[in-house]
Amino acid sequence: MNDSMNDTPKILITGVNGQVGFELTRALAPLGHIIALDRAQLDLRDEQAITDALNQHQPDIIVNPAAYTAVDKAETDAQTAFSINATAPAAMAQWTRKNEALLVHYSTDYVFDGEKPDAYIEDDNINPQSVYGHTKQQGEDVIRNLTERHVILRTSWVYGAYGNNFLKTMLRLAAERDALSIVNDQIGAPTSAALIADVTAHIVRDYIEYGDEFIDACTGTYHLTAAGSTSWHGYAQHIIALAEAAGMPLKIQAADVQGIPSSAYPTPAKRPHNSRLNTEKLQTTFDLKLPTWQDGVNHAFAMIKNNTKQ
């Protein structure tokens, strides 16, 4: 652990213009000196640029939410996806090992094939079904192989009040269309960027407080999602019901949203049918209780609604 941790720890965050990166700059601000880098300031396709930035800033903690997340586009842009999702984390992990820092990295339910009947635990077999999933798996693997000084947080169905996501898309479509058909055979937990950031802050604070004891006891891979589960169809109905209750002008009501099978909405990249992640390990290790997915969606909706009024 760097000597500077005895004073004010330096926390470098990548991808700060993304949904999770935006929330991390808020949640981590009370814990240290924040070095917030966007895509223009740090090109994750350039290994040397990553190493140079880390050498320049000398962070005690690297938090890496930046990723190539265009799931369908990745099918025809595998090299870029691999560079950002696997090669870049490898450069960060190498630097972390050499400089006794901590790397917090984010992964995805797409590392699983989605065929398990119940929620996935961290040690379940990995079997990605898409280029995106493969590159995220490779990112996990290189981090584990290069340094023990890491926390990998797998999450799913991320949304937020900031940025583009399913929640905002449904609000827009419900105001524009008098019919909506949404996939009803993919199951997961909508998880807010704010929750991901707040849990990350809890973990980072533990590391700052306990240092090497944390490295010995708490590093590894964890699942982080909101509690409960729903389908994309159920998620859409919940969003539109909120909009109805708020008196927003809509062309469709929640009850009229049609559920369809994945086969009726083909995509270049295969989606997992089961994206549920068991979070018991995270909650037990860090003494947390994760809120329901509905709580998070309700809060984000309220923020979006209030911002729209302004």
C-alpha atoms as a PDB file:
ATOM      1  CA  MET A   1       0.000   0.000   0.000  1.00  0.00           C
ATOM      2  CA  ASN A   2       1.341   3.427  -0.962  1.00  0.00           C
ATOM      3  CA  ASP A   3       2.633   5.713   1.781  1.00  0.00           C
ATOM      4  CA  SER A   4       0.198   8.409   0.594  1.00  0.00           C
ATOM      5  CA  MET A   5      -2.654   6.299   1.999  1.00  0.00           C
ATOM      6  CA  ASN A   6      -1.554   7.574   5.408  1.00  0.00           C
ATOM      7  CA  ASP A   7      -2.658  11.024   4.270  1.00  0.00           C
ATOM      8  CA  THR A   8      -5.326  11.455   1.593  1.00  0.00           C
ATOM      9  CA  PRO A   9      -5.689   8.417  -0.684  1.00  0.00           C
ATOM     10  CA  LYS A  10      -5.682   9.106  -4.395  1.00  0.00           C
ATOM     11  CA  ILE A  11      -8.545   7.409  -6.231  1.00  0.00           C
ATOM     12  CA  LEU A  12      -8.391   7.265 -10.022  1.00  0.00           C
ATOM     13  CA  ILE A  13     -11.700   6.652 -11.807  1.00  0.00           C
ATOM     14  CA  THR A  14     -11.934   5.804 -15.506  1.00  0.00           C
ATOM     15  CA  GLY A  15     -14.909   6.377 -17.787  1.00  0.00           C
ATOM     16  CA  VAL A  16     -16.362   9.179 -15.689  1.00  0.00           C
ATOM     17  CA  ASN A  17     -18.847  10.178 -18.396  1.00  0.00           C
ATOM     18  CA  GLY A  18     -20.525   6.771 -18.257  1.00  0.00           C
ATOM     19  CA  GLN A  19     -23.479   5.914 -16.023  1.00  0.00           C
ATOM     20  CA  VAL A  20     -21.429   4.206 -13.311  1.00  0.00           C
ATOM     21  CA  GLY A  21     -18.403   6.482 -13.636  1.00  0.00           C
ATOM     22  CA  PHE A  22     -20.605   9.539 -13.166  1.00  0.00           C
ATOM     23  CA  GLU A  23     -22.034   8.138  -9.919  1.00  0.00           C
ATOM     24  CA  LEU A  24     -18.614   6.995  -8.696  1.00  0.00           C
ATOM     25  CA  THR A  25     -17.271  10.544  -8.797  1.00  0.00           C
ATOM     26  CA  ARG A  26     -20.051  11.435  -6.349  1.00  0.00           C
ATOM     27  CA  ALA A  27     -19.872   8.394  -4.078  1.00  0.00           C
ATOM     28  CA  LEU A  28     -16.081   8.257  -3.751  1.00  0.00           C
ATOM     29  CA  ALA A  29     -15.530  12.008  -3.297  1.00  0.00           C
ATOM     30  CA  PRO A  30     -15.611  11.908   0.549  1.00  0.00           C
ATOM     31  CA  LEU A  31     -12.979   9.160   0.656  1.00  0.00           C
ATOM     32  CA  GLY A  32      -9.987  10.795  -0.975  1.00  0.00           C
ATOM     33  CA  HIS A  33      -8.555  12.881  -3.781  1.00  0.00           C
ATOM     34  CA  ILE A  34     -10.469  11.979  -6.950  1.00  0.00           C
ATOM     35  CA  ILE A  35      -8.692  11.774 -10.308  1.00  0.00           C
ATOM     36  CA  ALA A  36     -11.574  11.588 -12.783  1.00  0.00           C
ATOM     37  CA  LEU A  37     -10.578  10.629 -16.332  1.00  0.00           C
ATOM     38  CA  ASP A  38     -12.891  10.489 -19.324  1.00  0.00           C
ATOM     39  CA  ARG A  39     -12.312   8.863 -22.707  1.00  0.00           C
ATOM     40  CA  ALA A  40     -10.562  11.944 -24.083  1.00  0.00           C
ATOM     41  CA  GLN A  41      -8.131  12.017 -21.144  1.00  0.00           C
ATOM     42  CA  LEU A  42      -7.440   8.278 -21.113  1.00  0.00           C
ATOM     43  CA  ASP A  43      -7.701   6.167 -24.270  1.00  0.00           C
ATOM     44  CA  LEU A  44      -8.212   2.620 -23.017  1.00  0.00           C
ATOM     45  CA  ARG A  45      -7.253   1.254 -26.437  1.00  0.00           C
ATOM     46  CA  ASP A  46      -3.680   2.422 -25.762  1.00  0.00           C
ATOM     47  CA  GLU A  47      -1.795   0.299 -23.210  1.00  0.00           C
ATOM     48  CA  GLN A  48       1.101   2.723 -22.970  1.00  0.00           C
ATOM     49  CA  ALA A  49      -1.250   5.646 -22.388  1.00  0.00           C
ATOM     50  CA  ILE A  50      -2.778   3.740 -19.475  1.00  0.00           C
ATOM     51  CA  THR A  51       0.600   3.018 -17.900  1.00  0.00           C
ATOM     52  CA  ASP A  52       1.737   6.611 -18.451  1.00  0.00           C
ATOM     53  CA  ALA A  53      -1.420   7.992 -16.800  1.00  0.00           C
ATOM     54  CA  LEU A  54      -1.015   5.711 -13.800  1.00  0.00           C
ATOM     55  CA  ASN A  55       2.646   6.642 -13.457  1.00  0.00           C
ATOM     56  CA  GLN A  56       1.714  10.318 -13.654  1.00  0.00           C
ATOM     57  CA  HIS A  57      -1.089  10.231 -11.078  1.00  0.00           C
ATOM     58  CA  GLN A  58       0.234   7.461  -8.775  1.00  0.00           C
ATOM     59  CA  PRO A  59      -3.194   6.402  -7.474  1.00  0.00           C
ATOM     60  CA  ASP A  60      -3.643   4.280  -4.373  1.00  0.00           C
ATOM     61  CA  ILE A  61      -6.906   2.915  -5.766  1.00  0.00           C
ATOM     62  CA  ILE A  62      -7.935   2.416  -9.418  1.00  0.00           C
ATOM     63  CA  VAL A  63     -11.673   2.136 -10.071  1.00  0.00           C
ATOM     64  CA  ASN A  64     -12.407   0.981 -13.610  1.00  0.00           C
ATOM     65  CA  PRO A  65     -16.049   1.214 -14.746  1.00  0.00           C
ATOM     66  CA  ALA A  66     -15.002   2.049 -18.325  1.00  0.00           C
ATOM     67  CA  ALA A  67     -15.880  -0.720 -20.772  1.00  0.00           C
ATOM     68  CA  TYR A  68     -16.935  -1.506 -24.302  1.00  0.00           C
ATOM     69  CA  THR A  69     -20.632  -2.201 -23.665  1.00  0.00           C
ATOM     70  CA  ALA A  70     -22.155  -2.093 -27.163  1.00  0.00           C
ATOM     71  CA  VAL A  71     -23.132  -5.755 -26.952  1.00  0.00           C
ATOM     72  CA  ASP A  72     -24.374  -6.187 -30.506  1.00  0.00           C
ATOM     73  CA  LYS A  73     -21.717  -4.008 -32.127  1.00  0.00           C
ATOM     74  CA  ALA A  74     -19.027  -6.080 -30.413  1.00  0.00           C
ATOM     75  CA  GLU A  75     -19.973  -9.038 -32.609  1.00  0.00           C
ATOM     76  CA  THR A  76     -18.359  -7.224 -35.565  1.00  0.00           C
ATOM     77  CA  ASP A  77     -15.857  -5.112 -33.593  1.00  0.00           C
ATOM     78  CA  ALA A  78     -14.203  -7.761 -31.467  1.00  0.00           C
ATOM     79  CA  GLN A  79     -10.720  -6.251 -31.573  1.00  0.00           C
ATOM     80  CA  THR A  80     -11.822  -2.946 -30.038  1.00  0.00           C
ATOM     81  CA  ALA A  81     -13.966  -4.727 -27.451  1.00  0.00           C
ATOM     82  CA  PHE A  82     -11.035  -6.969 -26.483  1.00  0.00           C
ATOM     83  CA  SER A  83      -8.662  -4.014 -26.257  1.00  0.00           C
ATOM     84  CA  ILE A  84     -10.916  -2.054 -23.875  1.00  0.00           C
ATOM     85  CA  ASN A  85     -12.384  -4.970 -21.890  1.00  0.00           C
ATOM     86  CA  ALA A  86      -9.312  -7.194 -21.536  1.00  0.00           C
ATOM     87  CA  THR A  87      -6.045  -5.524 -22.566  1.00  0.00           C
ATOM     88  CA  ALA A  88      -6.746  -2.296 -20.654  1.00  0.00           C
ATOM     89  CA  PRO A  89      -7.579  -4.074 -17.362  1.00  0.00           C
ATOM     90  CA  ALA A  90      -4.398  -6.116 -17.779  1.00  0.00           C
ATOM     91  CA  ALA A  91      -2.330  -2.923 -17.920  1.00  0.00           C
ATOM     92  CA  MET A  92      -4.092  -1.649 -14.799  1.00  0.00           C
ATOM     93  CA  ALA A  93      -3.574  -4.953 -12.991  1.00  0.00           C
ATOM     94  CA  GLN A  94       0.154  -4.981 -13.797  1.00  0.00           C
ATOM     95  CA  TRP A  95       0.537  -1.462 -12.445  1.00  0.00           C
ATOM     96  CA  THR A  96      -1.543  -2.351  -9.370  1.00  0.00           C
ATOM     97  CA  ARG A  97       0.734  -5.288  -8.547  1.00  0.00           C
ATOM     98  CA  LYS A  98       3.959  -3.312  -8.979  1.00  0.00           C
ATOM     99  CA  ASN A  99       2.741  -0.341  -6.964  1.00  0.00           C
ATOM    100  CA  GLU A 100       0.734  -2.122  -4.233  1.00  0.00           C
ATOM    101  CA  ALA A 101      -2.494  -0.351  -5.137  1.00  0.00           C
ATOM    102  CA  LEU A 102      -6.052  -1.745  -5.311  1.00  0.00           C
ATOM    103  CA  LEU A 103      -7.959  -2.326  -8.557  1.00  0.00           C
ATOM    104  CA  VAL A 104     -11.767  -2.285  -8.493  1.00  0.00           C
ATOM    105  CA  HIS A 105     -13.131  -3.586 -11.795  1.00  0.00           C
ATOM    106  CA  TYR A 106     -16.655  -4.268 -13.069  1.00  0.00           C
ATOM    107  CA  SER A 107     -17.876  -7.272 -15.000  1.00  0.00           C
ATOM    108  CA  THR A 108     -21.176  -8.698 -16.153  1.00  0.00           C
ATOM    109  CA  ASP A 109     -23.747 -11.476 -16.114  1.00  0.00           C
ATOM    110  CA  TYR A 110     -22.803 -12.068 -19.784  1.00  0.00           C
ATOM    111  CA  VAL A 111     -19.876 -14.221 -18.642  1.00  0.00           C
ATOM    112  CA  PHE A 112     -22.531 -16.909 -17.950  1.00  0.00           C
ATOM    113  CA  ASP A 113     -24.641 -18.704 -20.549  1.00  0.00           C
ATOM    114  CA  GLY A 114     -27.918 -17.976 -18.763  1.00  0.00           C
ATOM    115  CA  GLU A 115     -29.062 -21.602 -18.710  1.00  0.00           C
ATOM    116  CA  LYS A 116     -28.877 -22.163 -14.937  1.00  0.00           C
ATOM    117  CA  PRO A 117     -32.371 -22.422 -13.382  1.00  0.00           C
ATOM    118  CA  ASP A 118     -31.517 -20.297 -10.330  1.00  0.00           C
ATOM    119  CA  ALA A 119     -29.223 -17.392  -9.473  1.00  0.00           C
ATOM    120  CA  TYR A 120     -25.543 -17.680 -10.354  1.00  0.00           C
ATOM    121  CA  ILE A 121     -22.911 -17.731  -7.620  1.00  0.00           C
ATOM    122  CA  GLU A 122     -19.394 -16.419  -8.175  1.00  0.00           C
ATOM    123  CA  ASP A 123     -17.817 -19.854  -8.682  1.00  0.00           C
ATOM    124  CA  ASP A 124     -20.312 -21.160 -11.246  1.00  0.00           C
ATOM    125  CA  ASN A 125     -18.922 -22.241 -14.601  1.00  0.00           C
ATOM    126  CA  ILE A 126     -18.174 -19.428 -17.028  1.00  0.00           C
ATOM    127  CA  ASN A 127     -19.621 -19.887 -20.512  1.00  0.00           C
ATOM    128  CA  PRO A 128     -20.116 -16.596 -22.390  1.00  0.00           C
ATOM    129  CA  GLN A 129     -22.291 -16.712 -25.499  1.00  0.00           C
ATOM    130  CA  SER A 130     -21.244 -13.418 -27.113  1.00  0.00           C
ATOM    131  CA  VAL A 131     -18.097 -11.528 -28.081  1.00  0.00           C
ATOM    132  CA  TYR A 132     -18.868  -8.984 -25.365  1.00  0.00           C
ATOM    133  CA  GLY A 133     -19.188 -11.749 -22.770  1.00  0.00           C
ATOM    134  CA  HIS A 134     -15.930 -13.353 -23.921  1.00  0.00           C
ATOM    135  CA  THR A 135     -14.011 -10.074 -23.661  1.00  0.00           C
ATOM    136  CA  LYS A 136     -15.363  -9.402 -20.176  1.00  0.00           C
ATOM    137  CA  GLN A 137     -14.382 -12.924 -19.104  1.00  0.00           C
ATOM    138  CA  GLN A 138     -10.889 -12.341 -20.482  1.00  0.00           C
ATOM    139  CA  GLY A 139     -10.685  -9.098 -18.522  1.00  0.00           C
ATOM    140  CA  GLU A 140     -11.559 -10.943 -15.320  1.00  0.00           C
ATOM    141  CA  ASP A 141      -9.010 -13.667 -16.038  1.00  0.00           C
ATOM    142  CA  VAL A 142      -6.082 -11.345 -16.702  1.00  0.00           C
ATOM    143  CA  ILE A 143      -6.756  -9.384 -13.523  1.00  0.00           C
ATOM    144  CA  ARG A 144      -6.848 -12.553 -11.411  1.00  0.00           C
ATOM    145  CA  ASN A 145      -3.686 -13.856 -13.043  1.00  0.00           C
ATOM    146  CA  LEU A 146      -1.731 -10.635 -12.585  1.00  0.00           C
ATOM    147  CA  THR A 147      -2.606  -9.453  -9.080  1.00  0.00           C
ATOM    148  CA  GLU A 148      -4.397 -10.540  -5.930  1.00  0.00           C
ATOM    149  CA  ARG A 149      -5.001  -6.860  -5.150  1.00  0.00           C
ATOM    150  CA  HIS A 150      -8.360  -6.652  -6.892  1.00  0.00           C
ATOM    151  CA  VAL A 151     -12.096  -6.602  -6.376  1.00  0.00           C
ATOM    152  CA  ILE A 152     -14.185  -7.633  -9.392  1.00  0.00           C
ATOM    153  CA  LEU A 153     -17.869  -6.720  -9.169  1.00  0.00           C
ATOM    154  CA  ARG A 154     -20.180  -8.503 -11.596  1.00  0.00           C
ATOM    155  CA  THR A 155     -23.439  -6.665 -12.164  1.00  0.00           C
ATOM    156  CA  SER A 156     -26.340  -6.607 -14.625  1.00  0.00           C
ATOM    157  CA  TRP A 157     -29.105  -4.527 -16.206  1.00  0.00           C
ATOM    158  CA  VAL A 158     -27.469  -1.226 -15.260  1.00  0.00           C
ATOM    159  CA  TYR A 159     -29.385   2.047 -15.498  1.00  0.00           C
ATOM    160  CA  GLY A 160     -29.236   5.492 -13.960  1.00  0.00           C
ATOM    161  CA  ALA A 161     -30.711   8.968 -13.915  1.00  0.00           C
ATOM    162  CA  TYR A 162     -27.673  10.004 -15.978  1.00  0.00           C
ATOM    163  CA  GLY A 163     -26.947   8.572 -19.420  1.00  0.00           C
ATOM    164  CA  ASN A 164     -28.947   6.458 -21.860  1.00  0.00           C
ATOM    165  CA  ASN A 165     -30.586   3.244 -20.671  1.00  0.00           C
ATOM    166  CA  PHE A 166     -33.699   1.056 -20.757  1.00  0.00           C
ATOM    167  CA  LEU A 167     -35.561   3.159 -18.196  1.00  0.00           C
ATOM    168  CA  LYS A 168     -35.272   6.326 -20.275  1.00  0.00           C
ATOM    169  CA  THR A 169     -35.980   4.473 -23.512  1.00  0.00           C
ATOM    170  CA  MET A 170     -39.254   3.090 -22.110  1.00  0.00           C
ATOM    171  CA  LEU A 171     -40.369   6.523 -20.934  1.00  0.00           C
ATOM    172  CA  ARG A 172     -39.711   7.925 -24.400  1.00  0.00           C
ATOM    173  CA  LEU A 173     -41.418   5.066 -26.254  1.00  0.00           C
ATOM    174  CA  ALA A 174     -44.460   5.130 -23.976  1.00  0.00           C
ATOM    175  CA  ALA A 175     -44.952   8.785 -24.916  1.00  0.00           C
ATOM    176  CA  GLU A 176     -44.486   8.100 -28.646  1.00  0.00           C
ATOM    177  CA  ARG A 177     -46.133   4.741 -29.368  1.00  0.00           C
ATOM    178  CA  ASP A 178     -49.553   3.265 -28.791  1.00  0.00           C
ATOM    179  CA  ALA A 179     -48.172  -0.304 -28.771  1.00  0.00           C
ATOM    180  CA  LEU A 180     -45.074  -1.829 -27.148  1.00  0.00           C
ATOM    181  CA  SER A 181     -43.759  -5.411 -27.226  1.00  0.00           C
ATOM    182  CA  ILE A 182     -41.019  -6.272 -24.727  1.00  0.00           C
ATOM    183  CA  VAL A 183     -39.114  -9.528 -24.167  1.00  0.00           C
ATOM    184  CA  ASN A 184     -40.537 -11.527 -21.257  1.00  0.00           C
ATOM    185  CA  ASP A 185     -38.251 -14.598 -21.086  1.00  0.00           C
ATOM    186  CA  GLN A 186     -35.036 -12.925 -19.917  1.00  0.00           C
ATOM    187  CA  ILE A 187     -34.868 -12.544 -16.134  1.00  0.00           C
ATOM    188  CA  GLY A 188     -32.603 -10.310 -14.068  1.00  0.00           C
ATOM    189  CA  ALA A 189     -32.379  -7.478 -11.546  1.00  0.00           C
ATOM    190  CA  PRO A 190     -32.346  -3.888 -12.799  1.00  0.00           C
ATOM    191  CA  THR A 191     -29.444  -2.330 -10.892  1.00  0.00           C
ATOM    192  CA  SER A 192     -28.836   1.384 -10.538  1.00  0.00           C
ATOM    193  CA  ALA A 193     -25.493   3.010 -11.185  1.00  0.00           C
ATOM    194  CA  ALA A 194     -26.003   4.831  -7.881  1.00  0.00           C
ATOM    195  CA  LEU A 195     -26.228   1.544  -5.963  1.00  0.00           C
ATOM    196  CA  ILE A 196     -23.122   0.200  -7.693  1.00  0.00           C
ATOM    197  CA  ALA A 197     -21.243   3.376  -6.796  1.00  0.00           C
ATOM    198  CA  ASP A 198     -22.426   3.401  -3.174  1.00  0.00           C
ATOM    199  CA  VAL A 199     -21.424  -0.231  -2.639  1.00  0.00           C
ATOM    200  CA  THR A 200     -18.066   0.488  -4.274  1.00  0.00           C
ATOM    201  CA  ALA A 201     -17.544   3.366  -1.834  1.00  0.00           C
ATOM    202  CA  HIS A 202     -18.275   1.026   1.084  1.00  0.00           C
ATOM    203  CA  ILE A 203     -15.672  -1.447  -0.216  1.00  0.00           C
ATOM    204  CA  VAL A 204     -13.082   1.257  -0.899  1.00  0.00           C
ATOM    205  CA  ARG A 205     -13.557   2.685   2.579  1.00  0.00           C
ATOM    206  CA  ASP A 206     -12.899  -0.762   4.063  1.00  0.00           C
ATOM    207  CA  TYR A 207      -9.678  -0.989   2.042  1.00  0.00           C
ATOM    208  CA  ILE A 208      -8.553   2.462   3.175  1.00  0.00           C
ATOM    209  CA  GLU A 209      -9.229   1.522   6.802  1.00  0.00           C
ATOM    210  CA  TYR A 210      -7.821  -2.007   6.852  1.00  0.00           C
ATOM    211  CA  GLY A 211      -5.176  -2.042   4.094  1.00  0.00           C
ATOM    212  CA  ASP A 212      -3.325  -5.335   3.918  1.00  0.00           C
ATOM    213  CA  GLU A 213      -5.896  -7.047   6.139  1.00  0.00           C
ATOM    214  CA  PHE A 214      -8.435  -6.226   3.425  1.00  0.00           C
ATOM    215  CA  ILE A 215      -6.131  -7.683   0.758  1.00  0.00           C
ATOM    216  CA  ASP A 216      -5.854 -10.919   2.734  1.00  0.00           C
ATOM    217  CA  ALA A 217      -9.561 -11.286   3.532  1.00  0.00           C
ATOM    218  CA  CYS A 218     -11.723  -9.405   1.041  1.00  0.00           C
ATOM    219  CA  THR A 219     -10.231  -9.385  -2.438  1.00  0.00           C
ATOM    220  CA  GLY A 220     -11.791 -11.488  -5.194  1.00  0.00           C
ATOM    221  CA  THR A 221     -14.972 -11.609  -7.262  1.00  0.00           C
ATOM    222  CA  TYR A 222     -18.431 -10.593  -6.043  1.00  0.00           C
ATOM    223  CA  HIS A 223     -21.908 -10.326  -7.500  1.00  0.00           C
ATOM    224  CA  LEU A 224     -23.574  -6.937  -7.086  1.00  0.00           C
ATOM    225  CA  THR A 225     -27.178  -6.402  -8.151  1.00  0.00           C
ATOM    226  CA  ALA A 226     -30.321  -5.045  -6.575  1.00  0.00           C
ATOM    227  CA  ALA A 227     -32.510  -7.545  -4.719  1.00  0.00           C
ATOM    228  CA  GLY A 228     -35.304  -9.419  -6.456  1.00  0.00           C
ATOM    229  CA  SER A 229     -35.789 -10.079 -10.162  1.00  0.00           C
ATOM    230  CA  THR A 230     -38.107  -9.410 -13.072  1.00  0.00           C
ATOM    231  CA  SER A 231     -38.276  -9.737 -16.851  1.00  0.00           C
ATOM    232  CA  TRP A 232     -37.631  -6.892 -19.274  1.00  0.00           C
ATOM    233  CA  HIS A 233     -41.416  -6.915 -19.790  1.00  0.00           C
ATOM    234  CA  GLY A 234     -42.089  -6.612 -16.056  1.00  0.00           C
ATOM    235  CA  TYR A 235     -39.449  -3.901 -15.797  1.00  0.00           C
ATOM    236  CA  ALA A 236     -41.090  -1.935 -18.615  1.00  0.00           C
ATOM    237  CA  GLN A 237     -44.517  -2.243 -17.004  1.00  0.00           C
ATOM    238  CA  HIS A 238     -43.140  -0.954 -13.694  1.00  0.00           C
ATOM    239  CA  ILE A 239     -41.557   2.072 -15.396  1.00  0.00           C
ATOM    240  CA  ILE A 240     -44.707   2.959 -17.330  1.00  0.00           C
ATOM    241  CA  ALA A 241     -46.867   2.510 -14.219  1.00  0.00           C
ATOM    242  CA  LEU A 242     -44.663   5.074 -12.467  1.00  0.00           C
ATOM    243  CA  ALA A 243     -45.116   7.461 -15.371  1.00  0.00           C
ATOM    244  CA  GLU A 244     -48.896   6.913 -15.286  1.00  0.00           C
ATOM    245  CA  ALA A 245     -49.036   7.660 -11.568  1.00  0.00           C
ATOM    246  CA  ALA A 246     -46.990  10.825 -12.111  1.00  0.00           C
ATOM    247  CA  GLY A 247     -49.442  12.086 -14.717  1.00  0.00           C
ATOM    248  CA  MET A 248     -46.939  12.057 -17.567  1.00  0.00           C
ATOM    249  CA  PRO A 249     -48.483  12.220 -21.070  1.00  0.00           C
ATOM    250  CA  LEU A 250     -48.426   8.655 -22.427  1.00  0.00           C
ATOM    251  CA  LYS A 251     -49.866   6.868 -25.437  1.00  0.00           C
ATOM    252  CA  ILE A 252     -49.846   3.455 -23.746  1.00  0.00           C
ATOM    253  CA  GLN A 253     -50.611   2.124 -20.276  1.00  0.00           C
ATOM    254  CA  ALA A 254     -48.555  -0.417 -18.362  1.00  0.00           C
ATOM    255  CA  ALA A 255     -51.240  -3.097 -18.654  1.00  0.00           C
ATOM    256  CA  ASP A 256     -51.159  -2.830 -22.449  1.00  0.00           C
ATOM    257  CA  VAL A 257     -47.454  -3.593 -22.856  1.00  0.00           C
ATOM    258  CA  GLN A 258     -47.190  -6.949 -24.631  1.00  0.00           C
ATOM    259  CA  GLY A 259     -44.744  -9.659 -23.582  1.00  0.00           C
ATOM    260  CA  ILE A 260     -42.873 -11.493 -26.351  1.00  0.00           C
ATOM    261  CA  PRO A 261     -40.249 -14.294 -26.402  1.00  0.00           C
ATOM    262  CA  SER A 262     -36.620 -13.544 -27.249  1.00  0.00           C
ATOM    263  CA  SER A 263     -37.093 -15.485 -30.481  1.00  0.00           C
ATOM    264  CA  ALA A 264     -39.450 -12.752 -31.684  1.00  0.00           C
ATOM    265  CA  TYR A 265     -36.775 -10.084 -31.201  1.00  0.00           C
ATOM    266  CA  PRO A 266     -33.534 -11.506 -32.648  1.00  0.00           C
ATOM    267  CA  THR A 267     -30.277  -9.658 -31.938  1.00  0.00           C
ATOM    268  CA  PRO A 268     -26.706 -10.170 -33.236  1.00  0.00           C
ATOM    269  CA  ALA A 269     -25.479 -11.084 -29.731  1.00  0.00           C
ATOM    270  CA  LYS A 270     -27.260 -13.741 -27.704  1.00  0.00           C
ATOM    271  CA  ARG A 271     -28.656 -12.518 -24.385  1.00  0.00           C
ATOM    272  CA  PRO A 272     -28.671 -14.734 -21.269  1.00  0.00           C
ATOM    273  CA  HIS A 273     -32.159 -15.958 -20.390  1.00  0.00           C
ATOM    274  CA  ASN A 274     -31.173 -16.002 -16.729  1.00  0.00           C
ATOM    275  CA  SER A 275     -29.156 -12.987 -15.563  1.00  0.00           C
ATOM    276  CA  ARG A 276     -29.876 -13.443 -11.864  1.00  0.00           C
ATOM    277  CA  LEU A 277     -26.763 -13.140  -9.685  1.00  0.00           C
ATOM    278  CA  ASN A 278     -26.623 -14.397  -6.096  1.00  0.00           C
ATOM    279  CA  THR A 279     -25.279 -11.556  -3.917  1.00  0.00           C
ATOM    280  CA  GLU A 280     -24.956 -13.391  -0.572  1.00  0.00           C
ATOM    281  CA  LYS A 281     -21.139 -13.382  -0.672  1.00  0.00           C
ATOM    282  CA  LEU A 282     -21.017  -9.588  -1.115  1.00  0.00           C
ATOM    283  CA  GLN A 283     -23.625  -8.918   1.557  1.00  0.00           C
ATOM    284  CA  THR A 284     -21.948 -11.230   4.076  1.00  0.00           C
ATOM    285  CA  THR A 285     -18.361 -10.110   3.472  1.00  0.00           C
ATOM    286  CA  PHE A 286     -19.087  -6.386   3.597  1.00  0.00           C
ATOM    287  CA  ASP A 287     -22.094  -6.448   5.967  1.00  0.00           C
ATOM    288  CA  LEU A 288     -24.503  -4.967   3.435  1.00  0.00           C
ATOM    289  CA  LYS A 289     -28.210  -5.221   2.702  1.00  0.00           C
ATOM    290  CA  LEU A 290     -29.050  -4.560  -0.933  1.00  0.00           C
ATOM    291  CA  PRO A 291     -32.338  -2.748  -1.702  1.00  0.00           C
ATOM    292  CA  THR A 292     -34.942  -4.092  -4.119  1.00  0.00           C
ATOM    293  CA  TRP A 293     -34.742  -3.295  -7.802  1.00  0.00           C
ATOM    294  CA  GLN A 294     -38.075  -1.462  -7.499  1.00  0.00           C
ATOM    295  CA  ASP A 295     -36.613   0.925  -4.893  1.00  0.00           C
ATOM    296  CA  GLY A 296     -33.796   1.874  -7.221  1.00  0.00           C
ATOM    297  CA  VAL A 297     -36.012   2.341 -10.262  1.00  0.00           C
ATOM    298  CA  ASN A 298     -38.465   4.456  -8.264  1.00  0.00           C
ATOM    299  CA  HIS A 299     -35.642   6.720  -7.077  1.00  0.00           C
ATOM    300  CA  ALA A 300     -34.101   7.112 -10.536  1.00  0.00           C
ATOM    301  CA  PHE A 301     -37.528   7.809 -12.029  1.00  0.00           C
ATOM    302  CA  ALA A 302     -38.135  10.564  -9.483  1.00  0.00           C
ATOM    303  CA  MET A 303     -34.806  12.171 -10.381  1.00  0.00           C
ATOM    304  CA  ILE A 304     -35.534  11.980 -14.115  1.00  0.00           C
ATOM    305  CA  LYS A 305     -39.023  13.415 -13.620  1.00  0.00           C
ATOM    306  CA  ASN A 306     -37.698  16.306 -11.532  1.00  0.00           C
ATOM    307  CA  ASN A 307     -34.954  17.068 -14.063  1.00  0.00           C
ATOM    308  CA  THR A 308     -37.538  17.085 -16.863  1.00  0.00           C
ATOM    309  CA  LYS A 309     -39.578  19.727 -15.028  1.00  0.00           C
ATOM    310  CA  GLN A 310     -36.621  22.106 -14.739  1.00  0.00           C
END
